[in-house]
N, C-alpha and C. Protein backbone atom coordinates (compact mmCIF):
# COMPACT_ATOMS: atom_id res chain seq x y z
N MET A 1 27.58 -3.00 0.08
CA MET A 1 27.22 -4.34 0.48
C MET A 1 25.90 -4.36 1.23
N SER A 2 25.70 -3.37 2.12
CA SER A 2 24.46 -3.35 2.90
C SER A 2 23.25 -3.11 2.00
N LYS A 3 23.45 -2.37 0.90
CA LYS A 3 22.34 -2.16 -0.04
C LYS A 3 21.94 -3.48 -0.68
N LEU A 4 22.91 -4.31 -1.00
CA LEU A 4 22.66 -5.61 -1.59
C LEU A 4 21.88 -6.51 -0.63
N LEU A 5 22.18 -6.42 0.65
CA LEU A 5 21.48 -7.23 1.65
C LEU A 5 20.08 -6.68 1.93
N TYR A 6 19.92 -5.38 1.87
CA TYR A 6 18.63 -4.76 2.19
C TYR A 6 17.62 -4.92 1.05
N LYS A 7 18.07 -4.99 -0.17
CA LYS A 7 17.18 -5.00 -1.34
C LYS A 7 16.17 -6.15 -1.32
N PRO A 8 16.57 -7.42 -1.07
CA PRO A 8 15.57 -8.50 -1.03
C PRO A 8 14.53 -8.30 0.07
N PHE A 9 14.99 -7.83 1.23
CA PHE A 9 14.06 -7.54 2.32
C PHE A 9 13.07 -6.46 1.91
N SER A 10 13.56 -5.43 1.26
CA SER A 10 12.72 -4.33 0.82
C SER A 10 11.68 -4.79 -0.20
N MET A 11 12.09 -5.62 -1.13
CA MET A 11 11.16 -6.11 -2.16
C MET A 11 10.09 -7.01 -1.54
N ALA A 12 10.48 -7.88 -0.64
CA ALA A 12 9.50 -8.77 0.02
C ALA A 12 8.51 -7.98 0.85
N SER A 13 8.99 -6.96 1.55
CA SER A 13 8.06 -6.16 2.36
C SER A 13 7.15 -5.31 1.47
N SER A 14 7.61 -4.92 0.29
CA SER A 14 6.76 -4.18 -0.64
C SER A 14 5.61 -5.05 -1.16
N VAL A 15 5.91 -6.30 -1.45
CA VAL A 15 4.86 -7.22 -1.89
C VAL A 15 3.84 -7.43 -0.78
N ALA A 16 4.34 -7.66 0.42
CA ALA A 16 3.44 -7.84 1.57
C ALA A 16 2.61 -6.57 1.81
N GLY A 17 3.24 -5.43 1.63
CA GLY A 17 2.52 -4.16 1.80
C GLY A 17 1.43 -3.98 0.77
N GLY A 18 1.69 -4.38 -0.46
CA GLY A 18 0.67 -4.29 -1.50
C GLY A 18 -0.54 -5.17 -1.18
N ILE A 19 -0.26 -6.36 -0.68
CA ILE A 19 -1.35 -7.25 -0.29
C ILE A 19 -2.13 -6.66 0.88
N ALA A 20 -1.40 -6.16 1.87
CA ALA A 20 -2.06 -5.54 3.04
C ALA A 20 -2.89 -4.33 2.63
N ALA A 21 -2.35 -3.51 1.73
CA ALA A 21 -3.08 -2.32 1.28
C ALA A 21 -4.36 -2.70 0.55
N GLY A 22 -4.31 -3.76 -0.24
CA GLY A 22 -5.51 -4.23 -0.93
C GLY A 22 -6.58 -4.66 0.04
N ILE A 23 -6.18 -5.36 1.09
CA ILE A 23 -7.13 -5.81 2.11
C ILE A 23 -7.72 -4.61 2.85
N VAL A 24 -6.87 -3.66 3.22
CA VAL A 24 -7.35 -2.46 3.91
C VAL A 24 -8.32 -1.69 3.02
N PHE A 25 -7.97 -1.51 1.75
CA PHE A 25 -8.86 -0.77 0.85
C PHE A 25 -10.22 -1.45 0.74
N LYS A 26 -10.24 -2.76 0.59
CA LYS A 26 -11.53 -3.46 0.47
C LYS A 26 -12.38 -3.26 1.71
N GLN A 27 -11.76 -3.31 2.88
CA GLN A 27 -12.51 -3.10 4.12
C GLN A 27 -13.05 -1.68 4.22
N VAL A 28 -12.20 -0.70 3.90
CA VAL A 28 -12.63 0.70 3.96
C VAL A 28 -13.73 0.96 2.94
N TRP A 29 -13.57 0.46 1.72
CA TRP A 29 -14.58 0.67 0.69
C TRP A 29 -15.91 0.05 1.10
N ARG A 30 -15.85 -1.15 1.65
CA ARG A 30 -17.06 -1.85 2.09
C ARG A 30 -17.80 -1.03 3.15
N ARG A 31 -17.06 -0.46 4.09
CA ARG A 31 -17.70 0.33 5.15
C ARG A 31 -18.25 1.66 4.64
N LEU A 32 -17.53 2.28 3.73
CA LEU A 32 -17.98 3.57 3.21
C LEU A 32 -19.15 3.46 2.24
N SER A 33 -19.11 2.44 1.37
CA SER A 33 -20.10 2.37 0.30
C SER A 33 -21.18 1.32 0.54
N GLY A 34 -20.90 0.37 1.41
CA GLY A 34 -21.85 -0.72 1.60
C GLY A 34 -21.79 -1.76 0.50
N GLU A 35 -20.84 -1.63 -0.42
CA GLU A 35 -20.68 -2.58 -1.52
C GLU A 35 -19.41 -3.39 -1.32
N ASP A 36 -19.41 -4.62 -1.82
CA ASP A 36 -18.26 -5.49 -1.65
C ASP A 36 -17.09 -5.11 -2.54
N GLU A 37 -17.36 -4.61 -3.72
CA GLU A 37 -16.30 -4.29 -4.68
C GLU A 37 -16.35 -2.81 -5.07
N ALA A 38 -15.17 -2.24 -5.26
CA ALA A 38 -15.09 -0.87 -5.75
C ALA A 38 -15.40 -0.86 -7.24
N PRO A 39 -15.91 0.25 -7.75
CA PRO A 39 -16.22 0.31 -9.19
C PRO A 39 -14.96 0.27 -10.05
N GLN A 40 -15.05 -0.44 -11.14
CA GLN A 40 -13.98 -0.44 -12.13
C GLN A 40 -14.12 0.80 -12.99
N ALA A 41 -13.02 1.27 -13.52
CA ALA A 41 -13.04 2.49 -14.34
C ALA A 41 -13.93 2.34 -15.56
N THR A 42 -14.09 1.14 -16.08
CA THR A 42 -14.87 0.93 -17.29
C THR A 42 -16.31 0.48 -17.03
N SER A 43 -16.70 0.43 -15.76
CA SER A 43 -18.06 -0.01 -15.44
C SER A 43 -19.07 1.07 -15.80
N ARG A 44 -20.09 0.68 -16.54
CA ARG A 44 -21.10 1.66 -16.94
C ARG A 44 -22.12 1.92 -15.83
N ASP A 45 -22.07 1.14 -14.75
CA ASP A 45 -23.03 1.29 -13.66
C ASP A 45 -22.69 2.42 -12.69
N TYR A 46 -21.53 3.03 -12.85
CA TYR A 46 -21.08 4.08 -11.94
C TYR A 46 -20.74 5.33 -12.72
N GLY A 47 -20.89 6.46 -12.06
CA GLY A 47 -20.53 7.74 -12.68
C GLY A 47 -19.07 8.07 -12.44
N TRP A 48 -18.65 9.16 -13.06
CA TRP A 48 -17.27 9.63 -12.92
C TRP A 48 -16.89 9.85 -11.47
N GLY A 49 -17.76 10.47 -10.72
CA GLY A 49 -17.46 10.79 -9.32
C GLY A 49 -17.17 9.56 -8.49
N GLU A 50 -17.99 8.54 -8.65
CA GLU A 50 -17.79 7.31 -7.87
C GLU A 50 -16.49 6.60 -8.27
N VAL A 51 -16.24 6.54 -9.56
CA VAL A 51 -15.03 5.86 -10.04
C VAL A 51 -13.78 6.61 -9.58
N LEU A 52 -13.78 7.93 -9.71
CA LEU A 52 -12.60 8.71 -9.32
C LEU A 52 -12.41 8.74 -7.82
N ALA A 53 -13.50 8.77 -7.06
CA ALA A 53 -13.39 8.73 -5.60
C ALA A 53 -12.79 7.40 -5.15
N ALA A 54 -13.23 6.30 -5.75
CA ALA A 54 -12.69 4.99 -5.40
C ALA A 54 -11.19 4.93 -5.73
N ALA A 55 -10.83 5.45 -6.89
CA ALA A 55 -9.42 5.43 -7.30
C ALA A 55 -8.56 6.30 -6.38
N ALA A 56 -9.06 7.46 -6.00
CA ALA A 56 -8.32 8.34 -5.10
C ALA A 56 -8.13 7.71 -3.72
N LEU A 57 -9.18 7.10 -3.21
CA LEU A 57 -9.10 6.43 -1.92
C LEU A 57 -8.11 5.26 -1.99
N GLN A 58 -8.19 4.49 -3.05
CA GLN A 58 -7.28 3.35 -3.20
C GLN A 58 -5.83 3.83 -3.28
N GLY A 59 -5.58 4.88 -4.05
CA GLY A 59 -4.23 5.42 -4.17
C GLY A 59 -3.70 5.94 -2.85
N ALA A 60 -4.55 6.63 -2.09
CA ALA A 60 -4.12 7.17 -0.80
C ALA A 60 -3.78 6.04 0.17
N ILE A 61 -4.62 5.02 0.21
CA ILE A 61 -4.36 3.89 1.12
C ILE A 61 -3.08 3.18 0.73
N PHE A 62 -2.88 2.93 -0.56
CA PHE A 62 -1.67 2.25 -1.00
C PHE A 62 -0.43 3.09 -0.66
N ALA A 63 -0.49 4.39 -0.84
CA ALA A 63 0.66 5.25 -0.55
C ALA A 63 1.00 5.26 0.94
N VAL A 64 -0.02 5.33 1.77
CA VAL A 64 0.21 5.35 3.22
C VAL A 64 0.78 4.02 3.70
N VAL A 65 0.21 2.92 3.23
CA VAL A 65 0.69 1.60 3.64
C VAL A 65 2.12 1.40 3.16
N LYS A 66 2.42 1.79 1.91
CA LYS A 66 3.78 1.64 1.38
C LYS A 66 4.77 2.47 2.20
N ALA A 67 4.43 3.70 2.50
CA ALA A 67 5.32 4.55 3.29
C ALA A 67 5.54 3.97 4.68
N ALA A 68 4.48 3.47 5.30
CA ALA A 68 4.61 2.89 6.64
C ALA A 68 5.50 1.65 6.63
N ILE A 69 5.32 0.80 5.63
CA ILE A 69 6.13 -0.43 5.55
C ILE A 69 7.58 -0.09 5.23
N ASP A 70 7.81 0.82 4.28
CA ASP A 70 9.18 1.20 3.94
C ASP A 70 9.89 1.83 5.15
N ARG A 71 9.18 2.72 5.83
CA ARG A 71 9.78 3.38 6.99
C ARG A 71 10.04 2.40 8.12
N GLY A 72 9.07 1.52 8.36
CA GLY A 72 9.24 0.52 9.41
C GLY A 72 10.38 -0.43 9.10
N GLY A 73 10.51 -0.82 7.83
CA GLY A 73 11.61 -1.69 7.44
C GLY A 73 12.96 -1.03 7.64
N ALA A 74 13.05 0.23 7.26
CA ALA A 74 14.30 0.97 7.43
C ALA A 74 14.64 1.13 8.91
N ALA A 75 13.64 1.41 9.72
CA ALA A 75 13.87 1.55 11.16
C ALA A 75 14.29 0.21 11.76
N GLY A 76 13.70 -0.88 11.27
CA GLY A 76 14.09 -2.20 11.75
C GLY A 76 15.52 -2.55 11.40
N VAL A 77 15.93 -2.20 10.19
CA VAL A 77 17.32 -2.43 9.78
C VAL A 77 18.26 -1.61 10.65
N ARG A 78 17.87 -0.40 10.95
CA ARG A 78 18.72 0.44 11.80
C ARG A 78 18.85 -0.15 13.19
N ARG A 79 17.74 -0.67 13.73
CA ARG A 79 17.80 -1.30 15.05
C ARG A 79 18.72 -2.53 15.04
N LEU A 80 18.65 -3.31 13.95
CA LEU A 80 19.45 -4.54 13.88
C LEU A 80 20.92 -4.28 13.60
N THR A 81 21.20 -3.32 12.72
CA THR A 81 22.58 -3.12 12.27
C THR A 81 23.24 -1.87 12.83
N GLY A 82 22.44 -0.94 13.33
CA GLY A 82 22.99 0.32 13.79
C GLY A 82 23.13 1.36 12.69
N ASN A 83 22.82 0.96 11.43
CA ASN A 83 22.94 1.86 10.29
C ASN A 83 21.61 1.96 9.56
N TRP A 84 21.33 3.16 9.08
CA TRP A 84 20.15 3.36 8.25
C TRP A 84 20.44 2.74 6.88
N PRO A 85 19.48 2.03 6.30
CA PRO A 85 19.76 1.40 5.00
C PRO A 85 19.99 2.44 3.91
N PRO A 86 20.80 2.09 2.93
CA PRO A 86 21.09 3.04 1.84
C PRO A 86 19.86 3.24 0.96
N ASP A 87 19.83 4.36 0.28
CA ASP A 87 18.71 4.66 -0.64
C ASP A 87 18.82 3.86 -1.90
């Protein structure tokens, strides 16, 4: 039953985390590169190194934000209910 209650909360926080991660990535990319947008994989204006570096940075930021939100949500559920949410 607790898994059923936790699932909607988990999905909503994942969506919010994805939005937050996108904002964080744009800010980090802007500071590192001086450009407003990261290169697209199919853009001919950038080389392999720039495209792959942008993708690696974006992936790392998304993974860290997702882990932080998931962990924080689970810790919040534990504080509220006394139980760690089910996997």
